[in-house]
N, C-alpha and C. Protein backbone atom coordinates (compact mmCIF):
# COMPACT_ATOMS: atom_id res chain seq x y z
N MET A 1 -7.76 -60.32 14.49
CA MET A 1 -7.17 -60.28 13.24
C MET A 1 -7.13 -58.72 12.81
N GLN A 2 -5.85 -58.28 12.51
CA GLN A 2 -5.91 -57.01 11.82
C GLN A 2 -5.74 -56.78 10.36
N HIS A 3 -6.47 -55.99 9.86
CA HIS A 3 -6.44 -55.68 8.29
C HIS A 3 -5.27 -54.65 8.25
N LYS A 4 -4.69 -55.08 7.12
CA LYS A 4 -3.36 -54.07 6.79
C LYS A 4 -4.22 -53.04 5.78
N ARG A 5 -3.82 -51.85 5.93
CA ARG A 5 -4.23 -50.80 4.89
C ARG A 5 -2.96 -50.50 4.05
N PRO A 6 -3.23 -49.89 2.74
CA PRO A 6 -2.13 -49.46 2.23
C PRO A 6 -1.70 -48.18 2.66
N LYS A 7 -0.51 -48.00 2.69
CA LYS A 7 0.05 -46.67 3.54
C LYS A 7 -0.06 -45.54 2.49
N MET A 8 -0.64 -44.44 3.00
CA MET A 8 -1.01 -43.30 2.25
C MET A 8 0.06 -42.56 2.06
N THR A 9 0.36 -41.64 0.77
CA THR A 9 1.31 -40.90 0.77
C THR A 9 1.16 -39.35 1.49
N LEU A 10 2.11 -38.69 1.96
CA LEU A 10 1.74 -37.47 2.29
C LEU A 10 0.70 -36.76 1.78
N LEU A 11 0.66 -36.36 0.59
CA LEU A 11 -0.30 -36.08 -0.49
C LEU A 11 -1.60 -36.42 -0.15
N GLN A 12 -1.75 -37.57 -0.05
CA GLN A 12 -3.15 -38.16 -0.13
C GLN A 12 -3.85 -37.96 1.69
N ARG A 13 -3.00 -38.03 2.41
CA ARG A 13 -3.26 -37.73 3.86
C ARG A 13 -3.89 -36.05 4.08
N ALA A 14 -2.87 -35.19 3.23
CA ALA A 14 -3.26 -33.81 3.45
C ALA A 14 -4.62 -33.52 2.63
N LYS A 15 -4.98 -34.12 1.59
CA LYS A 15 -6.06 -33.87 1.09
C LYS A 15 -7.38 -34.58 1.79
N GLN A 16 -7.21 -35.45 2.52
CA GLN A 16 -8.04 -36.09 3.59
C GLN A 16 -8.55 -34.89 4.29
N PHE A 17 -7.77 -34.15 4.73
CA PHE A 17 -8.22 -33.29 6.00
C PHE A 17 -8.62 -31.87 5.53
N MET A 18 -8.24 -31.74 4.14
CA MET A 18 -8.69 -30.19 3.53
C MET A 18 -9.95 -29.67 3.70
N PRO A 19 -11.16 -30.64 3.56
CA PRO A 19 -12.45 -30.08 3.63
C PRO A 19 -12.59 -29.34 5.19
N PHE A 20 -11.74 -29.90 6.32
CA PHE A 20 -12.20 -29.47 7.68
C PHE A 20 -11.29 -28.33 8.04
N ALA A 21 -10.75 -27.73 6.90
CA ALA A 21 -9.83 -26.61 7.28
C ALA A 21 -10.49 -25.35 7.94
N ALA A 22 -10.23 -25.42 9.14
CA ALA A 22 -11.00 -24.65 9.99
C ALA A 22 -10.75 -22.74 10.00
N LEU A 23 -9.60 -22.60 9.33
CA LEU A 23 -9.21 -21.32 9.18
C LEU A 23 -9.21 -21.04 7.91
N LYS A 24 -10.16 -20.75 7.30
CA LYS A 24 -10.29 -20.42 5.93
C LYS A 24 -9.80 -18.79 5.85
N GLY A 25 -8.81 -18.63 4.72
CA GLY A 25 -8.27 -17.73 4.47
C GLY A 25 -7.03 -17.31 5.32
N PHE A 26 -6.90 -18.17 6.06
CA PHE A 26 -5.59 -17.95 7.05
C PHE A 26 -4.11 -18.11 6.08
N GLN A 27 -4.24 -18.77 5.27
CA GLN A 27 -2.86 -18.82 4.13
C GLN A 27 -2.66 -17.39 3.58
N GLU A 28 -3.93 -17.00 3.05
CA GLU A 28 -3.83 -15.78 2.43
C GLU A 28 -3.24 -14.50 3.53
N LEU A 29 -3.82 -14.39 4.71
CA LEU A 29 -3.66 -13.76 5.60
C LEU A 29 -1.96 -13.81 5.91
N LEU A 30 -1.35 -14.92 6.33
CA LEU A 30 -0.17 -15.30 6.51
C LEU A 30 0.88 -14.74 5.52
N GLU A 31 0.41 -14.60 4.00
CA GLU A 31 0.98 -14.26 3.11
C GLU A 31 1.04 -12.80 2.98
N GLU A 32 -0.04 -12.14 3.36
CA GLU A 32 -0.19 -10.53 3.46
C GLU A 32 0.78 -10.42 4.54
N THR A 33 0.85 -10.75 5.52
CA THR A 33 1.56 -10.15 6.70
C THR A 33 3.04 -10.57 6.47
N ALA A 34 3.33 -11.42 5.70
CA ALA A 34 4.94 -11.51 5.45
C ALA A 34 5.57 -10.58 4.41
N ARG A 35 4.52 -10.07 3.44
CA ARG A 35 5.01 -9.02 2.79
C ARG A 35 5.73 -8.00 3.38
N TYR A 36 6.62 -7.25 2.72
CA TYR A 36 7.81 -6.27 3.39
C TYR A 36 6.31 -5.11 3.40
N LYS A 37 6.84 -4.24 4.43
CA LYS A 37 6.19 -2.88 4.92
C LYS A 37 7.13 -2.11 5.54
N GLU A 38 6.95 -0.88 5.06
CA GLU A 38 8.08 0.15 5.63
C GLU A 38 7.10 1.16 6.24
N ASN A 39 7.60 1.36 7.57
CA ASN A 39 6.88 2.50 8.38
C ASN A 39 7.10 3.88 7.57
N ARG A 40 6.07 4.71 7.66
CA ARG A 40 6.08 6.02 7.57
C ARG A 40 6.94 6.71 8.37
N LYS A 41 7.66 7.64 7.61
CA LYS A 41 8.65 8.50 8.35
C LYS A 41 7.65 9.86 8.91
N GLU A 42 7.95 10.39 9.95
CA GLU A 42 7.61 11.73 10.35
C GLU A 42 8.39 12.73 9.86
N LEU A 43 7.85 13.69 9.32
CA LEU A 43 8.70 14.72 8.94
C LEU A 43 9.06 16.09 9.95
N SER A 44 10.01 16.47 9.90
CA SER A 44 10.14 17.66 10.98
C SER A 44 9.41 18.93 10.67
N GLU A 45 9.47 19.84 11.43
CA GLU A 45 8.93 21.07 11.23
C GLU A 45 9.36 21.61 10.05
N GLU A 46 10.69 21.63 9.99
CA GLU A 46 11.27 22.14 8.79
C GLU A 46 10.99 21.79 7.42
N GLN A 47 10.96 20.33 7.53
CA GLN A 47 10.13 19.51 6.42
C GLN A 47 8.96 19.92 5.97
N LEU A 48 8.13 19.97 7.00
CA LEU A 48 6.76 20.16 6.84
C LEU A 48 6.51 21.59 6.14
N GLU A 49 7.18 22.65 6.54
CA GLU A 49 7.31 23.94 6.06
C GLU A 49 7.54 24.14 4.51
N VAL A 50 8.59 23.15 4.09
CA VAL A 50 9.23 23.03 2.71
C VAL A 50 7.90 22.54 2.08
N LEU A 51 7.54 21.41 2.28
CA LEU A 51 6.36 20.32 1.72
C LEU A 51 5.08 21.48 1.60
N ASP A 52 4.91 22.19 2.41
CA ASP A 52 3.74 23.02 2.57
C ASP A 52 3.90 24.19 1.56
N ALA A 53 5.01 24.86 1.33
CA ALA A 53 5.19 25.80 0.45
C ALA A 53 5.20 25.23 -0.98
N GLN A 54 5.55 23.84 -1.05
CA GLN A 54 5.63 23.20 -2.58
C GLN A 54 4.28 22.95 -2.82
N CYS A 55 3.49 22.45 -1.91
CA CYS A 55 2.04 22.24 -1.92
C CYS A 55 1.04 23.67 -2.40
N LYS A 56 1.54 24.71 -1.97
CA LYS A 56 1.02 25.85 -2.35
C LYS A 56 1.28 26.69 -3.57
N GLY A 57 2.49 26.19 -4.17
CA GLY A 57 2.83 26.57 -5.28
C GLY A 57 2.23 25.78 -6.58
N LEU A 58 1.58 24.58 -6.20
CA LEU A 58 0.90 23.78 -7.31
C LEU A 58 -0.06 24.39 -7.79
N VAL A 59 -0.21 24.13 -9.12
CA VAL A 59 -1.29 24.61 -10.08
C VAL A 59 -1.98 23.12 -10.56
N ILE A 60 -3.70 23.25 -10.55
CA ILE A 60 -4.39 22.41 -11.46
C ILE A 60 -4.00 22.09 -12.59
N GLY A 61 -3.37 20.77 -13.35
CA GLY A 61 -3.10 20.96 -14.86
C GLY A 61 -1.65 20.82 -14.94
N ASN A 62 -0.57 21.02 -13.99
CA ASN A 62 0.67 20.78 -13.86
C ASN A 62 1.08 19.44 -13.50
N ILE A 63 1.78 19.04 -14.39
CA ILE A 63 2.36 17.42 -14.42
C ILE A 63 3.49 17.55 -12.99
N VAL A 64 3.14 16.80 -12.22
CA VAL A 64 3.86 16.52 -10.66
C VAL A 64 4.20 15.14 -10.68
N SER A 65 5.23 15.07 -9.64
CA SER A 65 5.62 13.88 -9.21
C SER A 65 5.47 13.81 -7.68
N VAL A 66 4.69 12.76 -7.18
CA VAL A 66 4.64 12.98 -5.66
C VAL A 66 4.96 11.61 -4.84
N VAL A 67 5.85 11.54 -3.94
CA VAL A 67 6.25 10.87 -3.37
C VAL A 67 5.45 10.47 -2.04
N TYR A 68 4.91 9.37 -1.77
CA TYR A 68 3.93 9.50 -0.77
C TYR A 68 3.90 7.69 -0.30
N HIS A 69 3.34 7.50 0.97
CA HIS A 69 3.28 6.46 1.46
C HIS A 69 1.82 5.85 1.33
N ASN A 70 1.86 4.62 0.73
CA ASN A 70 0.58 4.21 0.26
C ASN A 70 -0.14 3.22 1.33
N GLY A 71 0.31 3.17 2.39
CA GLY A 71 -0.31 2.40 3.53
C GLY A 71 0.95 1.02 4.09
N ARG A 72 1.56 0.84 2.81
CA ARG A 72 2.45 -0.18 3.21
C ARG A 72 4.33 0.42 2.90
N VAL A 73 4.01 0.93 1.83
CA VAL A 73 5.61 1.49 1.44
C VAL A 73 5.56 2.89 0.65
N TYR A 74 6.48 3.25 0.51
CA TYR A 74 6.64 4.63 -0.22
C TYR A 74 6.56 4.20 -1.70
N ASP A 75 5.88 5.07 -2.33
CA ASP A 75 5.47 4.98 -3.91
C ASP A 75 5.47 6.32 -4.46
N THR A 76 5.86 6.27 -5.87
CA THR A 76 5.60 7.63 -6.48
C THR A 76 4.45 7.57 -7.43
N VAL A 77 4.00 8.58 -7.58
CA VAL A 77 3.18 8.78 -8.95
C VAL A 77 3.28 10.16 -9.71
N GLN A 78 3.44 9.81 -10.69
CA GLN A 78 3.70 11.20 -11.37
C GLN A 78 2.47 11.08 -12.84
N GLY A 79 1.91 12.40 -13.00
CA GLY A 79 0.81 12.59 -13.75
C GLY A 79 0.09 14.11 -13.35
N ARG A 80 -0.91 14.14 -14.11
CA ARG A 80 -1.29 15.83 -14.17
C ARG A 80 -2.22 15.93 -12.88
N LEU A 81 -2.05 17.09 -12.43
CA LEU A 81 -2.73 17.31 -11.17
C LEU A 81 -3.88 17.60 -11.32
N GLN A 82 -4.93 16.85 -10.92
CA GLN A 82 -6.39 16.81 -11.15
C GLN A 82 -7.01 17.70 -10.32
N GLN A 83 -6.79 17.59 -8.69
CA GLN A 83 -7.70 18.49 -7.90
C GLN A 83 -6.62 18.41 -6.58
N ILE A 84 -6.74 19.61 -5.92
CA ILE A 84 -6.40 19.78 -4.40
C ILE A 84 -7.64 20.39 -3.57
N ASP A 85 -7.78 18.87 -2.78
CA ASP A 85 -9.21 19.36 -1.85
C ASP A 85 -8.56 19.66 -0.34
N THR A 86 -8.55 20.79 -0.16
CA THR A 86 -8.08 21.38 1.41
C THR A 86 -9.05 21.08 2.39
N VAL A 87 -10.12 20.70 2.22
CA VAL A 87 -11.23 20.55 3.09
C VAL A 87 -10.57 18.77 3.65
N TYR A 88 -10.78 17.80 2.87
CA TYR A 88 -10.21 16.72 3.17
C TYR A 88 -8.52 16.28 3.10
N ARG A 89 -8.16 17.30 2.76
CA ARG A 89 -6.46 17.52 2.85
C ARG A 89 -6.16 16.33 1.60
N THR A 90 -6.44 15.94 0.48
CA THR A 90 -5.82 15.14 -0.48
C THR A 90 -5.65 16.02 -1.71
N MET A 91 -4.89 15.16 -2.56
CA MET A 91 -4.69 15.59 -4.12
C MET A 91 -5.09 14.41 -4.82
N THR A 92 -5.52 14.70 -6.07
CA THR A 92 -5.54 13.70 -7.09
C THR A 92 -4.48 13.95 -7.96
N VAL A 93 -3.69 12.87 -8.25
CA VAL A 93 -2.64 12.81 -9.41
C VAL A 93 -3.10 11.81 -10.44
N GLY A 94 -3.17 12.38 -11.48
CA GLY A 94 -4.07 11.11 -12.56
C GLY A 94 -5.21 10.79 -11.98
N ASP A 95 -5.31 9.59 -11.60
CA ASP A 95 -6.35 8.91 -11.01
C ASP A 95 -6.26 8.47 -9.60
N VAL A 96 -5.02 8.88 -9.04
CA VAL A 96 -4.80 8.18 -7.58
C VAL A 96 -4.91 9.22 -6.78
N LEU A 97 -5.52 8.97 -5.76
CA LEU A 97 -6.00 9.80 -4.69
C LEU A 97 -4.88 9.63 -3.60
N VAL A 98 -3.86 10.88 -3.24
CA VAL A 98 -3.11 10.83 -2.36
C VAL A 98 -3.42 11.87 -0.97
N PRO A 99 -3.18 11.12 0.13
CA PRO A 99 -3.76 11.82 1.60
C PRO A 99 -2.36 12.76 1.47
N MET A 100 -2.74 14.02 1.77
CA MET A 100 -1.52 15.31 1.83
C MET A 100 -0.72 14.65 3.33
N SER A 101 -1.27 14.07 4.30
CA SER A 101 -0.51 13.67 5.14
C SER A 101 0.54 12.63 4.98
N HIS A 102 0.31 11.98 3.85
CA HIS A 102 1.43 10.65 3.50
C HIS A 102 2.60 11.30 2.60
N ILE A 103 2.24 12.49 2.16
CA ILE A 103 3.39 12.85 1.17
C ILE A 103 4.79 13.32 1.96
N MET A 104 5.41 12.56 1.17
CA MET A 104 7.12 12.85 1.57
C MET A 104 7.73 14.11 0.88
N ARG A 105 7.40 14.20 -0.52
CA ARG A 105 8.04 14.95 -1.35
C ARG A 105 7.08 15.25 -2.72
N VAL A 106 6.79 16.73 -3.28
CA VAL A 106 6.26 16.78 -4.32
C VAL A 106 7.21 17.85 -5.45
N THR A 107 7.07 17.56 -6.60
CA THR A 107 7.89 18.06 -7.36
C THR A 107 7.08 18.26 -8.75
N THR A 108 7.21 19.47 -9.41
CA THR A 108 6.41 19.72 -10.87
C THR A 108 7.48 19.33 -11.52
N ILE A 109 6.99 18.86 -12.61
CA ILE A 109 7.89 18.47 -13.99
C ILE A 109 7.65 19.15 -15.17
N GLY A 110 8.64 19.94 -15.52
CA GLY A 110 8.23 20.46 -16.62
C GLY A 110 7.21 21.85 -16.89
């Protein structure tokens, strides 16, 4: 004799296996991977010389605009230049620490 069980909806079936999700955080990883990523462009020697000259002309306290690669995409930060660290090759604009090797363009505003 066979017992008939009520047919489960897809949602009920999915809930049944949720506690056994072996790959915790996998969905978040997939979403992160799917987000847009822009490759960092390599500057030519000429462009590097122009950028170097721009950086040497900067003065702490100036208001600047910096276009840089933030690890995923190009971003722009504007604010007061707080610090230039020649040892670690970084600059701080407002509260953002920018590696100099990631900078595409620097301009002084006003």
